[in-house]
PDB file of N, CA and C in Angstrom:
ATOM      1  N   MET A   1      -9.790  19.465 -19.381  1.00  0.00           N
ATOM      2  CA  MET A   1      -9.453  18.762 -18.173  1.00  0.00           C
ATOM      3  C   MET A   1      -8.474  17.641 -18.513  1.00  0.00           C
ATOM      4  N   ILE A   2      -7.469  17.477 -17.646  1.00  0.00           N
ATOM      5  CA  ILE A   2      -6.485  16.417 -17.819  1.00  0.00           C
ATOM      6  C   ILE A   2      -6.964  15.182 -17.070  1.00  0.00           C
ATOM      7  N   LYS A   3      -6.957  14.044 -17.759  1.00  0.00           N
ATOM      8  CA  LYS A   3      -7.358  12.800 -17.113  1.00  0.00           C
ATOM      9  C   LYS A   3      -6.123  11.982 -16.788  1.00  0.00           C
ATOM     10  N   LEU A   4      -6.144  11.401 -15.618  1.00  0.00           N
ATOM     11  CA  LEU A   4      -5.056  10.528 -15.196  1.00  0.00           C
ATOM     12  C   LEU A   4      -5.298   9.117 -15.685  1.00  0.00           C
ATOM     13  N   HIS A   5      -4.209   8.386 -15.827  1.00  0.00           N
ATOM     14  CA  HIS A   5      -4.336   6.965 -16.116  1.00  0.00           C
ATOM     15  C   HIS A   5      -5.097   6.346 -14.943  1.00  0.00           C
ATOM     16  N   PRO A   6      -6.010   5.415 -15.197  1.00  0.00           N
ATOM     17  CA  PRO A   6      -6.816   4.835 -14.114  1.00  0.00           C
ATOM     18  C   PRO A   6      -6.000   4.269 -12.953  1.00  0.00           C
ATOM     19  N   GLU A   7      -4.868   3.640 -13.243  1.00  0.00           N
ATOM     20  CA  GLU A   7      -4.043   3.084 -12.158  1.00  0.00           C
ATOM     21  C   GLU A   7      -3.436   4.194 -11.308  1.00  0.00           C
ATOM     22  N   THR A   8      -3.004   5.272 -11.948  1.00  0.00           N
ATOM     23  CA  THR A   8      -2.450   6.412 -11.210  1.00  0.00           C
ATOM     24  C   THR A   8      -3.527   7.051 -10.353  1.00  0.00           C
ATOM     25  N   ALA A   9      -4.696   7.231 -10.921  1.00  0.00           N
ATOM     26  CA  ALA A   9      -5.806   7.817 -10.170  1.00  0.00           C
ATOM     27  C   ALA A   9      -6.152   6.960  -8.960  1.00  0.00           C
ATOM     28  N   GLN A  10      -6.133   5.646  -9.126  1.00  0.00           N
ATOM     29  CA  GLN A  10      -6.428   4.740  -8.012  1.00  0.00           C
ATOM     30  C   GLN A  10      -5.362   4.820  -6.934  1.00  0.00           C
ATOM     31  N   GLU A  11      -4.102   4.911  -7.328  1.00  0.00           N
ATOM     32  CA  GLU A  11      -3.010   5.024  -6.358  1.00  0.00           C
ATOM     33  C   GLU A  11      -3.141   6.308  -5.545  1.00  0.00           C
ATOM     34  N   ILE A  12      -3.474   7.404  -6.199  1.00  0.00           N
ATOM     35  CA  ILE A  12      -3.660   8.681  -5.507  1.00  0.00           C
ATOM     36  C   ILE A  12      -4.856   8.592  -4.563  1.00  0.00           C
ATOM     37  N   ALA A  13      -5.946   8.007  -5.024  1.00  0.00           N
ATOM     38  CA  ALA A  13      -7.126   7.839  -4.175  1.00  0.00           C
ATOM     39  C   ALA A  13      -6.802   6.985  -2.955  1.00  0.00           C
ATOM     40  N   ASN A  14      -6.004   5.932  -3.151  1.00  0.00           N
ATOM     41  CA  ASN A  14      -5.609   5.074  -2.031  1.00  0.00           C
ATOM     42  C   ASN A  14      -4.790   5.848  -0.997  1.00  0.00           C
ATOM     43  N   LEU A  15      -3.909   6.712  -1.453  1.00  0.00           N
ATOM     44  CA  LEU A  15      -3.113   7.519  -0.525  1.00  0.00           C
ATOM     45  C   LEU A  15      -3.994   8.484   0.266  1.00  0.00           C
ATOM     46  N   ILE A  16      -4.939   9.102  -0.412  1.00  0.00           N
ATOM     47  CA  ILE A  16      -5.864  10.014   0.278  1.00  0.00           C
ATOM     48  C   ILE A  16      -6.693   9.244   1.293  1.00  0.00           C
ATOM     49  N   ASN A  17      -7.147   8.067   0.922  1.00  0.00           N
ATOM     50  CA  ASN A  17      -7.898   7.226   1.866  1.00  0.00           C
ATOM     51  C   ASN A  17      -7.032   6.829   3.051  1.00  0.00           C
ATOM     52  N   SER A  18      -5.776   6.509   2.800  1.00  0.00           N
ATOM     53  CA  SER A  18      -4.862   6.136   3.866  1.00  0.00           C
ATOM     54  C   SER A  18      -4.684   7.277   4.868  1.00  0.00           C
ATOM     55  N   ILE A  19      -4.588   8.497   4.377  1.00  0.00           N
ATOM     56  CA  ILE A  19      -4.480   9.669   5.249  1.00  0.00           C
ATOM     57  C   ILE A  19      -5.721   9.768   6.127  1.00  0.00           C
ATOM     58  N   ASN A  20      -6.891   9.651   5.512  1.00  0.00           N
ATOM     59  CA  ASN A  20      -8.144   9.780   6.254  1.00  0.00           C
ATOM     60  C   ASN A  20      -8.334   8.655   7.268  1.00  0.00           C
ATOM     61  N   VAL A  21      -8.057   7.431   6.877  1.00  0.00           N
ATOM     62  CA  VAL A  21      -8.225   6.289   7.779  1.00  0.00           C
ATOM     63  C   VAL A  21      -7.236   6.393   8.938  1.00  0.00           C
ATOM     64  N   SER A  22      -6.013   6.798   8.652  1.00  0.00           N
ATOM     65  CA  SER A  22      -5.015   6.931   9.712  1.00  0.00           C
ATOM     66  C   SER A  22      -5.454   7.948  10.754  1.00  0.00           C
ATOM     67  N   LYS A  23      -6.014   9.059  10.311  1.00  0.00           N
ATOM     68  CA  LYS A  23      -6.531  10.062  11.253  1.00  0.00           C
ATOM     69  C   LYS A  23      -7.634   9.468  12.110  1.00  0.00           C
ATOM     70  N   LEU A  24      -8.548   8.747  11.482  1.00  0.00           N
ATOM     71  CA  LEU A  24      -9.646   8.131  12.229  1.00  0.00           C
ATOM     72  C   LEU A  24      -9.137   7.107  13.242  1.00  0.00           C
ATOM     73  N   MET A  25      -8.129   6.342  12.876  1.00  0.00           N
ATOM     74  CA  MET A  25      -7.602   5.315  13.772  1.00  0.00           C
ATOM     75  C   MET A  25      -6.925   5.921  14.998  1.00  0.00           C
ATOM     76  N   CYS A  26      -6.437   7.132  14.892  1.00  0.00           N
ATOM     77  CA  CYS A  26      -5.794   7.808  16.027  1.00  0.00           C
ATOM     78  C   CYS A  26      -6.803   8.393  17.010  1.00  0.00           C
ATOM     79  N   GLU A  27      -7.972   8.721  16.514  1.00  0.00           N
ATOM     80  CA  GLU A  27      -8.970   9.373  17.365  1.00  0.00           C
ATOM     81  C   GLU A  27      -9.381   8.468  18.523  1.00  0.00           C
ATOM     82  N   GLY A  28      -9.188   8.964  19.715  1.00  0.00           N
ATOM     83  CA  GLY A  28      -9.630   8.252  20.901  1.00  0.00           C
ATOM     84  C   GLY A  28      -8.754   7.082  21.310  1.00  0.00           C
ATOM     85  N   ASP A  29      -7.697   6.783  20.557  1.00  0.00           N
ATOM     86  CA  ASP A  29      -6.817   5.672  20.916  1.00  0.00           C
ATOM     87  C   ASP A  29      -5.839   6.164  21.975  1.00  0.00           C
ATOM     88  N   THR A  30      -5.701   5.414  23.033  1.00  0.00           N
ATOM     89  CA  THR A  30      -4.795   5.805  24.115  1.00  0.00           C
ATOM     90  C   THR A  30      -3.479   5.031  24.089  1.00  0.00           C
ATOM     91  N   ASN A  31      -3.333   4.123  23.130  1.00  0.00           N
ATOM     92  CA  ASN A  31      -2.108   3.337  23.026  1.00  0.00           C
ATOM     93  C   ASN A  31      -1.094   4.125  22.193  1.00  0.00           C
ATOM     94  N   PRO A  32      -0.010   4.590  22.810  1.00  0.00           N
ATOM     95  CA  PRO A  32       0.938   5.437  22.071  1.00  0.00           C
ATOM     96  C   PRO A  32       1.609   4.729  20.896  1.00  0.00           C
ATOM     97  N   ASP A  33       1.795   3.411  20.993  1.00  0.00           N
ATOM     98  CA  ASP A  33       2.412   2.682  19.877  1.00  0.00           C
ATOM     99  C   ASP A  33       1.498   2.647  18.664  1.00  0.00           C
ATOM    100  N   ARG A  34       0.212   2.404  18.882  1.00  0.00           N
ATOM    101  CA  ARG A  34      -0.746   2.400  17.758  1.00  0.00           C
ATOM    102  C   ARG A  34      -0.878   3.798  17.164  1.00  0.00           C
ATOM    103  N   VAL A  35      -0.916   4.808  18.021  1.00  0.00           N
ATOM    104  CA  VAL A  35      -1.033   6.187  17.532  1.00  0.00           C
ATOM    105  C   VAL A  35       0.196   6.533  16.681  1.00  0.00           C
ATOM    106  N   SER A  36       1.379   6.180  17.155  1.00  0.00           N
ATOM    107  CA  SER A  36       2.604   6.450  16.388  1.00  0.00           C
ATOM    108  C   SER A  36       2.574   5.737  15.041  1.00  0.00           C
ATOM    109  N   TYR A  37       2.095   4.490  15.034  1.00  0.00           N
ATOM    110  CA  TYR A  37       2.020   3.719  13.792  1.00  0.00           C
ATOM    111  C   TYR A  37       1.096   4.400  12.781  1.00  0.00           C
ATOM    112  N   TYR A  38      -0.101   4.775  13.224  1.00  0.00           N
ATOM    113  CA  TYR A  38      -1.047   5.377  12.283  1.00  0.00           C
ATOM    114  C   TYR A  38      -0.628   6.787  11.876  1.00  0.00           C
ATOM    115  N   MET A  39       0.021   7.506  12.766  1.00  0.00           N
ATOM    116  CA  MET A  39       0.540   8.821  12.372  1.00  0.00           C
ATOM    117  C   MET A  39       1.640   8.650  11.325  1.00  0.00           C
ATOM    118  N   ALA A  40       2.491   7.646  11.503  1.00  0.00           N
ATOM    119  CA  ALA A  40       3.548   7.379  10.519  1.00  0.00           C
ATOM    120  C   ALA A  40       2.942   7.020   9.164  1.00  0.00           C
ATOM    121  N   LYS A  41       1.873   6.210   9.176  1.00  0.00           N
ATOM    122  CA  LYS A  41       1.200   5.873   7.907  1.00  0.00           C
ATOM    123  C   LYS A  41       0.683   7.133   7.218  1.00  0.00           C
ATOM    124  N   GLU A  42       0.104   8.030   7.999  1.00  0.00           N
ATOM    125  CA  GLU A  42      -0.394   9.288   7.448  1.00  0.00           C
ATOM    126  C   GLU A  42       0.758  10.107   6.878  1.00  0.00           C
ATOM    127  N   PHE A  43       1.846  10.234   7.628  1.00  0.00           N
ATOM    128  CA  PHE A  43       2.998  11.008   7.160  1.00  0.00           C
ATOM    129  C   PHE A  43       3.567  10.420   5.868  1.00  0.00           C
ATOM    130  N   LYS A  44       3.684   9.103   5.808  1.00  0.00           N
ATOM    131  CA  LYS A  44       4.225   8.450   4.605  1.00  0.00           C
ATOM    132  C   LYS A  44       3.342   8.719   3.386  1.00  0.00           C
ATOM    133  N   ALA A  45       2.032   8.681   3.573  1.00  0.00           N
ATOM    134  CA  ALA A  45       1.121   8.933   2.455  1.00  0.00           C
ATOM    135  C   ALA A  45       1.224  10.381   1.991  1.00  0.00           C
ATOM    136  N   ILE A  46       1.347  11.307   2.931  1.00  0.00           N
ATOM    137  CA  ILE A  46       1.499  12.723   2.579  1.00  0.00           C
ATOM    138  C   ILE A  46       2.780  12.928   1.771  1.00  0.00           C
ATOM    139  N   ILE A  47       3.858  12.316   2.225  1.00  0.00           N
ATOM    140  CA  ILE A  47       5.149  12.442   1.528  1.00  0.00           C
ATOM    141  C   ILE A  47       5.055  11.822   0.140  1.00  0.00           C
ATOM    142  N   GLN A  48       4.433  10.675   0.029  1.00  0.00           N
ATOM    143  CA  GLN A  48       4.309  10.007  -1.269  1.00  0.00           C
ATOM    144  C   GLN A  48       3.474  10.842  -2.235  1.00  0.00           C
ATOM    145  N   LEU A  49       2.386  11.433  -1.747  1.00  0.00           N
ATOM    146  CA  LEU A  49       1.565  12.301  -2.612  1.00  0.00           C
ATOM    147  C   LEU A  49       2.418  13.423  -3.207  1.00  0.00           C
ATOM    148  N   ALA A  50       3.229  14.031  -2.373  1.00  0.00           N
ATOM    149  CA  ALA A  50       4.028  15.166  -2.826  1.00  0.00           C
ATOM    150  C   ALA A  50       5.185  14.738  -3.725  1.00  0.00           C
ATOM    151  N   GLU A  51       5.912  13.712  -3.294  1.00  0.00           N
ATOM    152  CA  GLU A  51       7.144  13.358  -3.996  1.00  0.00           C
ATOM    153  C   GLU A  51       6.923  12.510  -5.242  1.00  0.00           C
ATOM    154  N   GLU A  52       5.935  11.641  -5.237  1.00  0.00           N
ATOM    155  CA  GLU A  52       5.702  10.782  -6.403  1.00  0.00           C
ATOM    156  C   GLU A  52       4.709  11.373  -7.388  1.00  0.00           C
ATOM    157  N   TYR A  53       3.750  12.122  -6.868  1.00  0.00           N
ATOM    158  CA  TYR A  53       2.676  12.607  -7.742  1.00  0.00           C
ATOM    159  C   TYR A  53       2.620  14.125  -7.877  1.00  0.00           C
ATOM    160  N   GLY A  54       3.483  14.837  -7.152  1.00  0.00           N
ATOM    161  CA  GLY A  54       3.520  16.296  -7.247  1.00  0.00           C
ATOM    162  C   GLY A  54       2.286  16.967  -6.681  1.00  0.00           C
ATOM    163  N   ILE A  55       1.595  16.289  -5.782  1.00  0.00           N
ATOM    164  CA  ILE A  55       0.393  16.853  -5.176  1.00  0.00           C
ATOM    165  C   ILE A  55       0.794  17.451  -3.826  1.00  0.00           C
ATOM    166  N   PRO A  56       0.752  18.771  -3.714  1.00  0.00           N
ATOM    167  CA  PRO A  56       1.182  19.403  -2.463  1.00  0.00           C
ATOM    168  C   PRO A  56       0.192  19.127  -1.332  1.00  0.00           C
ATOM    169  N   HIS A  57       0.723  19.056  -0.135  1.00  0.00           N
ATOM    170  CA  HIS A  57      -0.113  18.876   1.055  1.00  0.00           C
ATOM    171  C   HIS A  57       0.391  19.859   2.103  1.00  0.00           C
ATOM    172  N   VAL A  58      -0.506  20.489   2.795  1.00  0.00           N
ATOM    173  CA  VAL A  58      -0.146  21.512   3.774  1.00  0.00           C
ATOM    174  C   VAL A  58       0.760  20.950   4.876  1.00  0.00           C
ATOM    175  N   ASN A  59       0.685  19.674   5.162  1.00  0.00           N
ATOM    176  CA  ASN A  59       1.490  19.072   6.231  1.00  0.00           C
ATOM    177  C   ASN A  59       2.746  18.367   5.729  1.00  0.00           C
ATOM    178  N   TYR A  60       3.138  18.608   4.491  1.00  0.00           N
ATOM    179  CA  TYR A  60       4.305  17.921   3.929  1.00  0.00           C
ATOM    180  C   TYR A  60       5.572  18.160   4.763  1.00  0.00           C
ATOM    181  N   ASP A  61       5.909  19.411   5.036  1.00  0.00           N
ATOM    182  CA  ASP A  61       7.137  19.708   5.786  1.00  0.00           C
ATOM    183  C   ASP A  61       7.106  19.052   7.166  1.00  0.00           C
ATOM    184  N   HIS A  62       5.960  19.106   7.808  1.00  0.00           N
ATOM    185  CA  HIS A  62       5.800  18.483   9.132  1.00  0.00           C
ATOM    186  C   HIS A  62       5.982  16.967   9.026  1.00  0.00           C
ATOM    187  N   ALA A  63       5.411  16.361   8.003  1.00  0.00           N
ATOM    188  CA  ALA A  63       5.520  14.915   7.816  1.00  0.00           C
ATOM    189  C   ALA A  63       6.981  14.500   7.616  1.00  0.00           C
ATOM    190  N   VAL A  64       7.708  15.252   6.823  1.00  0.00           N
ATOM    191  CA  VAL A  64       9.119  14.946   6.585  1.00  0.00           C
ATOM    192  C   VAL A  64       9.907  15.038   7.887  1.00  0.00           C
ATOM    193  N   LYS A  65       9.675  16.085   8.671  1.00  0.00           N
ATOM    194  CA  LYS A  65      10.376  16.247   9.951  1.00  0.00           C
ATOM    195  C   LYS A  65      10.043  15.098  10.894  1.00  0.00           C
ATOM    196  N   CYS A  66       8.786  14.743  10.977  1.00  0.00           N
ATOM    197  CA  CYS A  66       8.359  13.689  11.902  1.00  0.00           C
ATOM    198  C   CYS A  66       8.916  12.328  11.515  1.00  0.00           C
ATOM    199  N   MET A  67       9.020  12.055  10.220  1.00  0.00           N
ATOM    200  CA  MET A  67       9.523  10.749   9.796  1.00  0.00           C
ATOM    201  C   MET A  67      11.015  10.586  10.076  1.00  0.00           C
ATOM    202  N   LYS A  68      11.681  11.640  10.507  1.00  0.00           N
ATOM    203  CA  LYS A  68      13.082  11.541  10.927  1.00  0.00           C
ATOM    204  C   LYS A  68      13.188  11.179  12.409  1.00  0.00           C
ATOM    205  N   ILE A  69      12.056  11.178  13.094  1.00  0.00           N
ATOM    206  CA  ILE A  69      12.010  10.842  14.518  1.00  0.00           C
ATOM    207  C   ILE A  69      11.790   9.339  14.641  1.00  0.00           C
ATOM    208  N   GLY A  70      12.572   8.721  15.483  1.00  0.00           N
ATOM    209  CA  GLY A  70      12.555   7.265  15.619  1.00  0.00           C
ATOM    210  C   GLY A  70      11.192   6.656  15.883  1.00  0.00           C
ATOM    211  N   LYS A  71      10.379   7.291  16.732  1.00  0.00           N
ATOM    212  CA  LYS A  71       9.098   6.663  17.069  1.00  0.00           C
ATOM    213  C   LYS A  71       8.169   6.565  15.867  1.00  0.00           C
ATOM    214  N   TYR A  72       8.362   7.404  14.867  1.00  0.00           N
ATOM    215  CA  TYR A  72       7.562   7.308  13.645  1.00  0.00           C
ATOM    216  C   TYR A  72       8.284   6.473  12.589  1.00  0.00           C
ATOM    217  N   ALA A  73       9.567   6.718  12.438  1.00  0.00           N
ATOM    218  CA  ALA A  73      10.346   5.993  11.427  1.00  0.00           C
ATOM    219  C   ALA A  73      10.356   4.499  11.679  1.00  0.00           C
ATOM    220  N   ASN A  74      10.307   4.103  12.943  1.00  0.00           N
ATOM    221  CA  ASN A  74      10.377   2.689  13.315  1.00  0.00           C
ATOM    222  C   ASN A  74       9.049   2.131  13.822  1.00  0.00           C
ATOM    223  N   ALA A  75       7.985   2.857  13.624  1.00  0.00           N
ATOM    224  CA  ALA A  75       6.683   2.446  14.166  1.00  0.00           C
ATOM    225  C   ALA A  75       6.191   1.153  13.509  1.00  0.00           C
ATOM    226  N   THR A  76       5.717   0.245  14.339  1.00  0.00           N
ATOM    227  CA  THR A  76       5.128  -0.993  13.848  1.00  0.00           C
ATOM    228  C   THR A  76       3.828  -1.228  14.612  1.00  0.00           C
ATOM    229  N   LEU A  77       2.955  -1.983  14.006  1.00  0.00           N
ATOM    230  CA  LEU A  77       1.680  -2.306  14.625  1.00  0.00           C
ATOM    231  C   LEU A  77       1.755  -3.737  15.134  1.00  0.00           C
ATOM    232  N   LEU A  78       1.696  -3.865  16.435  1.00  0.00           N
ATOM    233  CA  LEU A  78       1.738  -5.184  17.053  1.00  0.00           C
ATOM    234  C   LEU A  78       0.324  -5.705  17.250  1.00  0.00           C
ATOM    235  N   PRO A  79       0.149  -7.016  17.230  1.00  0.00           N
ATOM    236  CA  PRO A  79      -1.176  -7.573  17.447  1.00  0.00           C
ATOM    237  C   PRO A  79      -1.691  -7.221  18.837  1.00  0.00           C
ATOM    238  N   ARG A  80      -2.980  -7.066  18.926  1.00  0.00           N
ATOM    239  CA  ARG A  80      -3.589  -6.707  20.216  1.00  0.00           C
ATOM    240  C   ARG A  80      -3.574  -7.852  21.161  1.00  0.00           C
TER     241      ARG A  80
END
């Protein structure tokens, strides 16, 4: 078995957590700006997993396409 450097393993775990948390934050939210923000966070983490760590994700192509769309590329989270 190949072991990762602890910092690399933590970075990968953080990206996976970011994907999961972003999905949870979108569930039931009716605010389109917040949904766009959390979807963008998910897309960015998917892209980073693939491009920086070589970890494939089934939604990679979709994430890349979506991040070219302004509502995701420019998404920000405003205070409530």
